[in-house]
Amino acid sequence: MGENRMFLSTQFIVRKIPFRAMVLALMVIALTLFPLLASADEDPCRERGIYIGNQTMLDLWYTRNGGPCTIWVHAHILTVKPEDTLIIYSDMICKTEYCSENPTYDVYKSLDANQNCRVRMLPDCTLSDM
C-alpha cells in the first residue's frame, strides 16, 4: 500500500480546460441538438397527407371538402391532408355516413404508430395502422 497514486478530480480537470473551449463546446452541442429536437415535433405527413386504405371489402363513397360524391372502391387508397374534410358514406348518394363519428386528419395521424403516413379502414369503421 506504499504506492503513491494521484487521482485526478473532476474539479482539477475542469480547471485545466480553458473557459473559451467549454463555451465553444456547449454552443456546438446546443446548435446541434436544438434543430434535431425541433424537427422531432414536425408532422412528416403534413405535406403529402395520410394514405387511407379501404380494406372494408365494400365499395364506399366519400365527399372531400363538400365536393361531389365519389366512389371509393375497396382495396384502393385515398389521401387526406390536414386541411381536408373527408366524409365517408355507405350509399352512392352520400346520405348515410359509414362511420358514426367521422374521423379527422388528427384521428388518422394518431393511429399512424410507425410514422409511415398509412392507415387502413377495416369493416365497421375500425381504423388501424397499415
N, C-alpha and C. Protein backbone atom coordinates (compact mmCIF):
# COMPACT_ATOMS: atom_id res chain seq x y z
N MET A 1 0.81 -1.19 0.00
CA MET A 1 0.00 0.00 0.00
C MET A 1 0.84 1.25 0.00
N GLY A 2 2.13 1.07 -0.21
CA GLY A 2 3.02 2.19 -0.16
C GLY A 2 3.06 2.98 -1.47
N GLU A 3 2.23 2.60 -2.45
CA GLU A 3 2.26 3.30 -3.73
C GLU A 3 1.67 4.70 -3.57
N ASN A 4 2.23 5.59 -4.30
CA ASN A 4 1.75 6.96 -4.30
C ASN A 4 0.95 7.17 -5.58
N ARG A 5 -0.34 7.21 -5.51
CA ARG A 5 -1.17 7.43 -6.69
C ARG A 5 -1.86 8.77 -6.58
N MET A 6 -1.98 9.37 -7.72
CA MET A 6 -2.67 10.65 -7.74
C MET A 6 -3.94 10.49 -8.57
N PHE A 7 -5.09 10.71 -7.96
CA PHE A 7 -6.35 10.62 -8.66
C PHE A 7 -6.78 12.03 -9.05
N LEU A 8 -7.06 12.19 -10.34
CA LEU A 8 -7.48 13.50 -10.82
C LEU A 8 -8.96 13.71 -10.50
N SER A 9 -9.23 14.78 -9.89
CA SER A 9 -10.63 15.09 -9.58
C SER A 9 -11.25 15.82 -10.77
N THR A 10 -12.55 15.78 -10.83
CA THR A 10 -13.27 16.46 -11.89
C THR A 10 -12.99 17.96 -11.84
N GLN A 11 -12.93 18.48 -10.66
CA GLN A 11 -12.66 19.91 -10.49
C GLN A 11 -11.28 20.26 -11.07
N PHE A 12 -10.31 19.42 -10.86
CA PHE A 12 -8.98 19.67 -11.38
C PHE A 12 -8.98 19.64 -12.91
N ILE A 13 -9.71 18.68 -13.49
CA ILE A 13 -9.77 18.55 -14.94
C ILE A 13 -10.47 19.76 -15.55
N VAL A 14 -11.57 20.19 -14.96
CA VAL A 14 -12.32 21.34 -15.48
C VAL A 14 -11.47 22.60 -15.40
N ARG A 15 -10.68 22.74 -14.37
CA ARG A 15 -9.82 23.93 -14.24
C ARG A 15 -8.79 23.98 -15.36
N LYS A 16 -8.35 22.82 -15.85
CA LYS A 16 -7.32 22.79 -16.88
C LYS A 16 -7.88 23.09 -18.28
N ILE A 17 -9.20 22.96 -18.47
CA ILE A 17 -9.81 23.27 -19.76
C ILE A 17 -10.08 24.77 -19.82
N PRO A 18 -9.63 25.42 -20.86
CA PRO A 18 -9.86 26.87 -20.97
C PRO A 18 -11.36 27.17 -21.05
N PHE A 19 -11.73 28.29 -20.48
CA PHE A 19 -13.14 28.70 -20.44
C PHE A 19 -13.71 28.84 -21.85
N ARG A 20 -12.93 29.37 -22.77
CA ARG A 20 -13.40 29.53 -24.15
C ARG A 20 -13.74 28.20 -24.79
N ALA A 21 -12.94 27.19 -24.53
CA ALA A 21 -13.18 25.87 -25.12
C ALA A 21 -14.48 25.27 -24.59
N MET A 22 -14.75 25.48 -23.30
CA MET A 22 -16.00 24.95 -22.73
C MET A 22 -17.20 25.67 -23.33
N VAL A 23 -17.12 26.98 -23.47
CA VAL A 23 -18.22 27.74 -24.07
C VAL A 23 -18.43 27.30 -25.51
N LEU A 24 -17.37 27.13 -26.27
CA LEU A 24 -17.47 26.70 -27.65
C LEU A 24 -18.10 25.31 -27.74
N ALA A 25 -17.68 24.40 -26.89
CA ALA A 25 -18.23 23.04 -26.89
C ALA A 25 -19.72 23.06 -26.57
N LEU A 26 -20.13 23.85 -25.59
CA LEU A 26 -21.56 23.94 -25.24
C LEU A 26 -22.37 24.55 -26.37
N MET A 27 -21.80 25.53 -27.06
CA MET A 27 -22.51 26.14 -28.20
C MET A 27 -22.69 25.14 -29.32
N VAL A 28 -21.67 24.36 -29.62
CA VAL A 28 -21.77 23.35 -30.67
C VAL A 28 -22.84 22.32 -30.32
N ILE A 29 -22.85 21.88 -29.08
CA ILE A 29 -23.85 20.91 -28.64
C ILE A 29 -25.25 21.51 -28.76
N ALA A 30 -25.43 22.73 -28.30
CA ALA A 30 -26.74 23.38 -28.35
C ALA A 30 -27.21 23.58 -29.79
N LEU A 31 -26.31 24.05 -30.65
CA LEU A 31 -26.69 24.30 -32.04
C LEU A 31 -26.96 23.02 -32.81
N THR A 32 -26.44 21.92 -32.35
CA THR A 32 -26.71 20.63 -32.98
C THR A 32 -28.01 20.02 -32.46
N LEU A 33 -28.25 20.10 -31.17
CA LEU A 33 -29.42 19.46 -30.58
C LEU A 33 -30.73 20.20 -30.82
N PHE A 34 -30.73 21.52 -30.74
CA PHE A 34 -31.99 22.25 -30.87
C PHE A 34 -32.70 22.01 -32.20
N PRO A 35 -32.03 22.06 -33.34
CA PRO A 35 -32.74 21.75 -34.59
C PRO A 35 -33.25 20.32 -34.64
N LEU A 36 -32.50 19.39 -34.08
CA LEU A 36 -32.95 18.00 -34.07
C LEU A 36 -34.19 17.83 -33.21
N LEU A 37 -34.20 18.46 -32.05
CA LEU A 37 -35.37 18.38 -31.18
C LEU A 37 -36.57 19.09 -31.79
N ALA A 38 -36.35 20.19 -32.47
CA ALA A 38 -37.44 20.92 -33.10
C ALA A 38 -38.04 20.12 -34.24
N SER A 39 -37.22 19.42 -35.01
CA SER A 39 -37.74 18.65 -36.14
C SER A 39 -38.50 17.41 -35.67
N ALA A 40 -38.27 16.96 -34.45
CA ALA A 40 -38.97 15.78 -33.95
C ALA A 40 -40.45 16.06 -33.74
N ASP A 41 -40.84 17.32 -33.53
CA ASP A 41 -42.24 17.66 -33.32
C ASP A 41 -42.99 17.88 -34.62
N GLU A 42 -42.31 17.97 -35.73
CA GLU A 42 -42.96 18.24 -37.00
C GLU A 42 -43.73 17.01 -37.47
N ASP A 43 -44.77 17.27 -38.25
CA ASP A 43 -45.62 16.21 -38.79
C ASP A 43 -45.08 15.79 -40.15
N PRO A 44 -44.52 14.59 -40.27
CA PRO A 44 -43.96 14.16 -41.55
C PRO A 44 -45.03 13.95 -42.63
N CYS A 45 -46.29 13.82 -42.22
CA CYS A 45 -47.37 13.56 -43.17
C CYS A 45 -48.05 14.84 -43.66
N ARG A 46 -47.71 15.97 -43.09
CA ARG A 46 -48.43 17.22 -43.41
C ARG A 46 -48.36 17.57 -44.89
N GLU A 47 -47.21 17.41 -45.51
CA GLU A 47 -47.04 17.80 -46.92
C GLU A 47 -47.82 16.91 -47.87
N ARG A 48 -47.61 15.60 -47.78
CA ARG A 48 -48.22 14.70 -48.77
C ARG A 48 -49.54 14.08 -48.30
N GLY A 49 -49.83 14.18 -47.01
CA GLY A 49 -51.09 13.64 -46.49
C GLY A 49 -50.94 12.23 -45.95
N ILE A 50 -52.02 11.73 -45.38
CA ILE A 50 -52.05 10.36 -44.87
C ILE A 50 -52.83 9.50 -45.85
N TYR A 51 -52.28 8.35 -46.18
CA TYR A 51 -52.93 7.43 -47.10
C TYR A 51 -53.85 6.52 -46.30
N ILE A 52 -55.11 6.42 -46.72
CA ILE A 52 -56.09 5.59 -46.03
C ILE A 52 -56.51 4.48 -46.99
N GLY A 53 -56.26 3.25 -46.60
CA GLY A 53 -56.64 2.11 -47.44
C GLY A 53 -58.03 1.62 -47.08
N ASN A 54 -58.85 1.39 -48.09
CA ASN A 54 -60.19 0.84 -47.89
C ASN A 54 -60.09 -0.68 -47.87
N GLN A 55 -60.04 -1.24 -46.67
CA GLN A 55 -59.98 -2.70 -46.52
C GLN A 55 -61.25 -3.22 -45.86
N THR A 56 -62.37 -2.59 -46.22
CA THR A 56 -63.66 -2.97 -45.65
C THR A 56 -64.33 -4.09 -46.45
N MET A 57 -63.80 -4.40 -47.61
CA MET A 57 -64.40 -5.36 -48.55
C MET A 57 -65.70 -4.82 -49.15
N LEU A 58 -65.94 -3.52 -48.97
CA LEU A 58 -67.12 -2.85 -49.54
C LEU A 58 -66.66 -1.67 -50.38
N ASP A 59 -67.43 -1.38 -51.41
CA ASP A 59 -67.22 -0.12 -52.10
C ASP A 59 -67.94 0.96 -51.29
N LEU A 60 -67.21 1.99 -50.94
CA LEU A 60 -67.78 3.10 -50.18
C LEU A 60 -67.78 4.35 -51.06
N TRP A 61 -68.37 5.42 -50.56
CA TRP A 61 -68.38 6.70 -51.25
C TRP A 61 -67.89 7.76 -50.28
N TYR A 62 -67.41 8.86 -50.83
CA TYR A 62 -66.90 9.93 -49.97
C TYR A 62 -67.11 11.28 -50.63
N THR A 63 -67.10 12.31 -49.78
CA THR A 63 -67.02 13.69 -50.25
C THR A 63 -65.81 14.32 -49.57
N ARG A 64 -65.10 15.13 -50.33
CA ARG A 64 -63.94 15.83 -49.79
C ARG A 64 -64.20 17.33 -49.87
N ASN A 65 -64.18 17.97 -48.71
CA ASN A 65 -64.38 19.42 -48.62
C ASN A 65 -65.69 19.86 -49.30
N GLY A 66 -66.75 19.09 -49.11
CA GLY A 66 -68.05 19.44 -49.66
C GLY A 66 -68.17 19.23 -51.15
N GLY A 67 -67.24 18.51 -51.75
CA GLY A 67 -67.24 18.27 -53.20
C GLY A 67 -68.24 17.19 -53.60
N PRO A 68 -68.09 16.68 -54.81
CA PRO A 68 -69.03 15.68 -55.32
C PRO A 68 -68.89 14.33 -54.62
N CYS A 69 -69.95 13.55 -54.68
CA CYS A 69 -69.98 12.20 -54.14
C CYS A 69 -69.16 11.30 -55.08
N THR A 70 -68.10 10.69 -54.55
CA THR A 70 -67.17 9.91 -55.36
C THR A 70 -67.02 8.52 -54.79
N ILE A 71 -66.96 7.53 -55.69
CA ILE A 71 -66.82 6.14 -55.22
C ILE A 71 -65.40 5.89 -54.71
N TRP A 72 -65.31 5.08 -53.66
CA TRP A 72 -64.03 4.64 -53.09
C TRP A 72 -64.06 3.11 -53.11
N VAL A 73 -63.50 2.56 -54.15
CA VAL A 73 -63.52 1.11 -54.36
C VAL A 73 -62.69 0.42 -53.29
N HIS A 74 -63.17 -0.77 -52.84
CA HIS A 74 -62.41 -1.48 -51.81
C HIS A 74 -61.04 -1.84 -52.36
N ALA A 75 -60.07 -1.87 -51.46
CA ALA A 75 -58.65 -2.14 -51.76
C ALA A 75 -57.97 -0.96 -52.45
N HIS A 76 -58.62 0.20 -52.50
CA HIS A 76 -57.98 1.40 -53.05
C HIS A 76 -57.64 2.36 -51.91
N ILE A 77 -56.80 3.33 -52.24
CA ILE A 77 -56.28 4.25 -51.22
C ILE A 77 -56.73 5.68 -51.51
N LEU A 78 -57.10 6.39 -50.45
CA LEU A 78 -57.39 7.82 -50.50
C LEU A 78 -56.30 8.56 -49.74
N THR A 79 -56.11 9.82 -50.07
CA THR A 79 -55.17 10.66 -49.34
C THR A 79 -55.94 11.77 -48.65
N VAL A 80 -55.65 11.98 -47.38
CA VAL A 80 -56.28 13.08 -46.65
C VAL A 80 -55.18 13.97 -46.08
N LYS A 81 -55.35 15.28 -46.27
CA LYS A 81 -54.40 16.27 -45.76
C LYS A 81 -55.04 17.00 -44.59
N PRO A 82 -54.23 17.72 -43.80
CA PRO A 82 -54.77 18.39 -42.60
C PRO A 82 -55.92 19.35 -42.91
N GLU A 83 -55.90 19.98 -44.06
CA GLU A 83 -56.95 20.94 -44.38
C GLU A 83 -58.21 20.30 -44.97
N ASP A 84 -58.18 18.98 -45.22
CA ASP A 84 -59.32 18.30 -45.83
C ASP A 84 -60.38 17.91 -44.81
N THR A 85 -61.63 17.95 -45.27
CA THR A 85 -62.74 17.39 -44.53
C THR A 85 -63.26 16.23 -45.37
N LEU A 86 -62.98 15.02 -44.93
CA LEU A 86 -63.34 13.82 -45.67
C LEU A 86 -64.49 13.13 -44.94
N ILE A 87 -65.62 12.95 -45.64
CA ILE A 87 -66.77 12.25 -45.05
C ILE A 87 -67.00 11.00 -45.89
N ILE A 88 -67.08 9.86 -45.22
CA ILE A 88 -67.22 8.57 -45.89
C ILE A 88 -68.65 8.09 -45.72
N TYR A 89 -69.24 7.60 -46.82
CA TYR A 89 -70.64 7.17 -46.84
C TYR A 89 -70.73 5.71 -47.29
N SER A 90 -71.84 5.07 -46.90
CA SER A 90 -72.06 3.68 -47.30
C SER A 90 -73.00 3.58 -48.50
N ASP A 91 -73.62 4.69 -48.89
CA ASP A 91 -74.53 4.66 -50.04
C ASP A 91 -74.01 5.59 -51.14
N MET A 92 -74.45 5.30 -52.37
CA MET A 92 -73.91 6.05 -53.50
C MET A 92 -74.52 7.43 -53.70
N ILE A 93 -75.45 7.83 -52.85
CA ILE A 93 -75.97 9.20 -52.94
C ILE A 93 -75.42 10.06 -51.80
N CYS A 94 -74.49 9.50 -51.03
CA CYS A 94 -73.79 10.22 -49.95
C CYS A 94 -74.77 10.82 -48.94
N LYS A 95 -75.66 9.96 -48.44
CA LYS A 95 -76.60 10.38 -47.40
C LYS A 95 -76.36 9.64 -46.08
N THR A 96 -75.92 8.39 -46.15
CA THR A 96 -75.73 7.57 -44.95
C THR A 96 -74.24 7.48 -44.63
N GLU A 97 -73.83 8.12 -43.54
CA GLU A 97 -72.42 8.09 -43.17
C GLU A 97 -72.02 6.69 -42.72
N TYR A 98 -70.85 6.25 -43.16
CA TYR A 98 -70.36 4.91 -42.81
C TYR A 98 -69.86 4.86 -41.37
N CYS A 99 -69.23 5.92 -40.92
CA CYS A 99 -68.70 5.98 -39.56
C CYS A 99 -69.62 6.85 -38.70
N SER A 100 -69.93 6.39 -37.49
CA SER A 100 -70.80 7.18 -36.62
C SER A 100 -70.15 8.52 -36.27
N GLU A 101 -68.84 8.50 -35.99
CA GLU A 101 -68.08 9.73 -35.78
C GLU A 101 -67.03 9.79 -36.88
N ASN A 102 -67.20 10.72 -37.79
CA ASN A 102 -66.32 10.78 -38.94
C ASN A 102 -64.89 11.12 -38.52
N PRO A 103 -63.91 10.27 -38.84
CA PRO A 103 -62.52 10.53 -38.44
C PRO A 103 -61.96 11.78 -39.13
N THR A 104 -61.13 12.51 -38.42
CA THR A 104 -60.44 13.67 -38.97
C THR A 104 -58.98 13.31 -39.23
N TYR A 105 -58.25 14.24 -39.81
CA TYR A 105 -56.83 14.04 -40.05
C TYR A 105 -56.10 13.70 -38.75
N ASP A 106 -56.45 14.39 -37.67
CA ASP A 106 -55.78 14.15 -36.38
C ASP A 106 -56.03 12.73 -35.87
N VAL A 107 -57.23 12.20 -36.11
CA VAL A 107 -57.53 10.83 -35.69
C VAL A 107 -56.68 9.85 -36.50
N TYR A 108 -56.65 10.04 -37.81
CA TYR A 108 -55.82 9.17 -38.65
C TYR A 108 -54.35 9.25 -38.23
N LYS A 109 -53.89 10.47 -37.98
CA LYS A 109 -52.48 10.68 -37.59
C LYS A 109 -52.16 9.99 -36.27
N SER A 110 -53.09 10.02 -35.32
CA SER A 110 -52.84 9.39 -34.02
C SER A 110 -52.72 7.87 -34.13
N LEU A 111 -53.31 7.29 -35.16
CA LEU A 111 -53.24 5.84 -35.34
C LEU A 111 -52.01 5.39 -36.12
N ASP A 112 -51.31 6.31 -36.72
CA ASP A 112 -50.13 6.00 -37.52
C ASP A 112 -48.92 5.80 -36.62
N ALA A 113 -48.85 4.64 -35.98
CA ALA A 113 -47.83 4.38 -34.96
C ALA A 113 -46.41 4.35 -35.54
N ASN A 114 -46.25 3.82 -36.74
CA ASN A 114 -44.90 3.70 -37.29
C ASN A 114 -44.49 4.89 -38.16
N GLN A 115 -45.30 5.94 -38.16
CA GLN A 115 -44.98 7.20 -38.85
C GLN A 115 -44.71 7.04 -40.35
N ASN A 116 -45.42 6.11 -41.01
CA ASN A 116 -45.25 5.95 -42.45
C ASN A 116 -46.39 6.58 -43.25
N CYS A 117 -47.28 7.29 -42.55
CA CYS A 117 -48.38 8.03 -43.17
C CYS A 117 -49.37 7.10 -43.87
N ARG A 118 -49.59 5.91 -43.31
CA ARG A 118 -50.54 4.95 -43.89
C ARG A 118 -51.41 4.37 -42.78
N VAL A 119 -52.72 4.42 -43.02
CA VAL A 119 -53.72 3.89 -42.09
C VAL A 119 -54.71 3.09 -42.92
N ARG A 120 -55.33 2.09 -42.32
CA ARG A 120 -56.33 1.32 -43.06
C ARG A 120 -57.67 1.37 -42.34
N MET A 121 -58.71 1.31 -43.15
CA MET A 121 -60.07 1.25 -42.62
C MET A 121 -60.58 -0.18 -42.83
N LEU A 122 -60.95 -0.80 -41.72
CA LEU A 122 -61.47 -2.16 -41.72
C LEU A 122 -62.99 -2.11 -41.59
N PRO A 123 -63.68 -3.24 -41.68
CA PRO A 123 -65.15 -3.22 -41.55
C PRO A 123 -65.61 -2.53 -40.26
N ASP A 124 -66.79 -1.96 -40.32
CA ASP A 124 -67.43 -1.23 -39.22
C ASP A 124 -66.62 -0.01 -38.80
N CYS A 125 -65.92 0.59 -39.71
CA CYS A 125 -65.16 1.83 -39.50
C CYS A 125 -64.07 1.64 -38.43
N THR A 126 -63.52 0.46 -38.34
CA THR A 126 -62.39 0.22 -37.44
C THR A 126 -61.12 0.68 -38.15
N LEU A 127 -60.37 1.52 -37.50
CA LEU A 127 -59.14 2.06 -38.10
C LEU A 127 -57.92 1.46 -37.42
N SER A 128 -56.88 1.22 -38.21
CA SER A 128 -55.63 0.72 -37.62
C SER A 128 -54.46 1.15 -38.50
N ASP A 129 -53.26 1.00 -37.95
CA ASP A 129 -52.06 1.33 -38.68
C ASP A 129 -51.85 0.32 -39.79
N MET A 130 -51.25 0.77 -40.89
CA MET A 130 -51.02 -0.13 -42.01
C MET A 130 -49.52 -0.33 -42.18
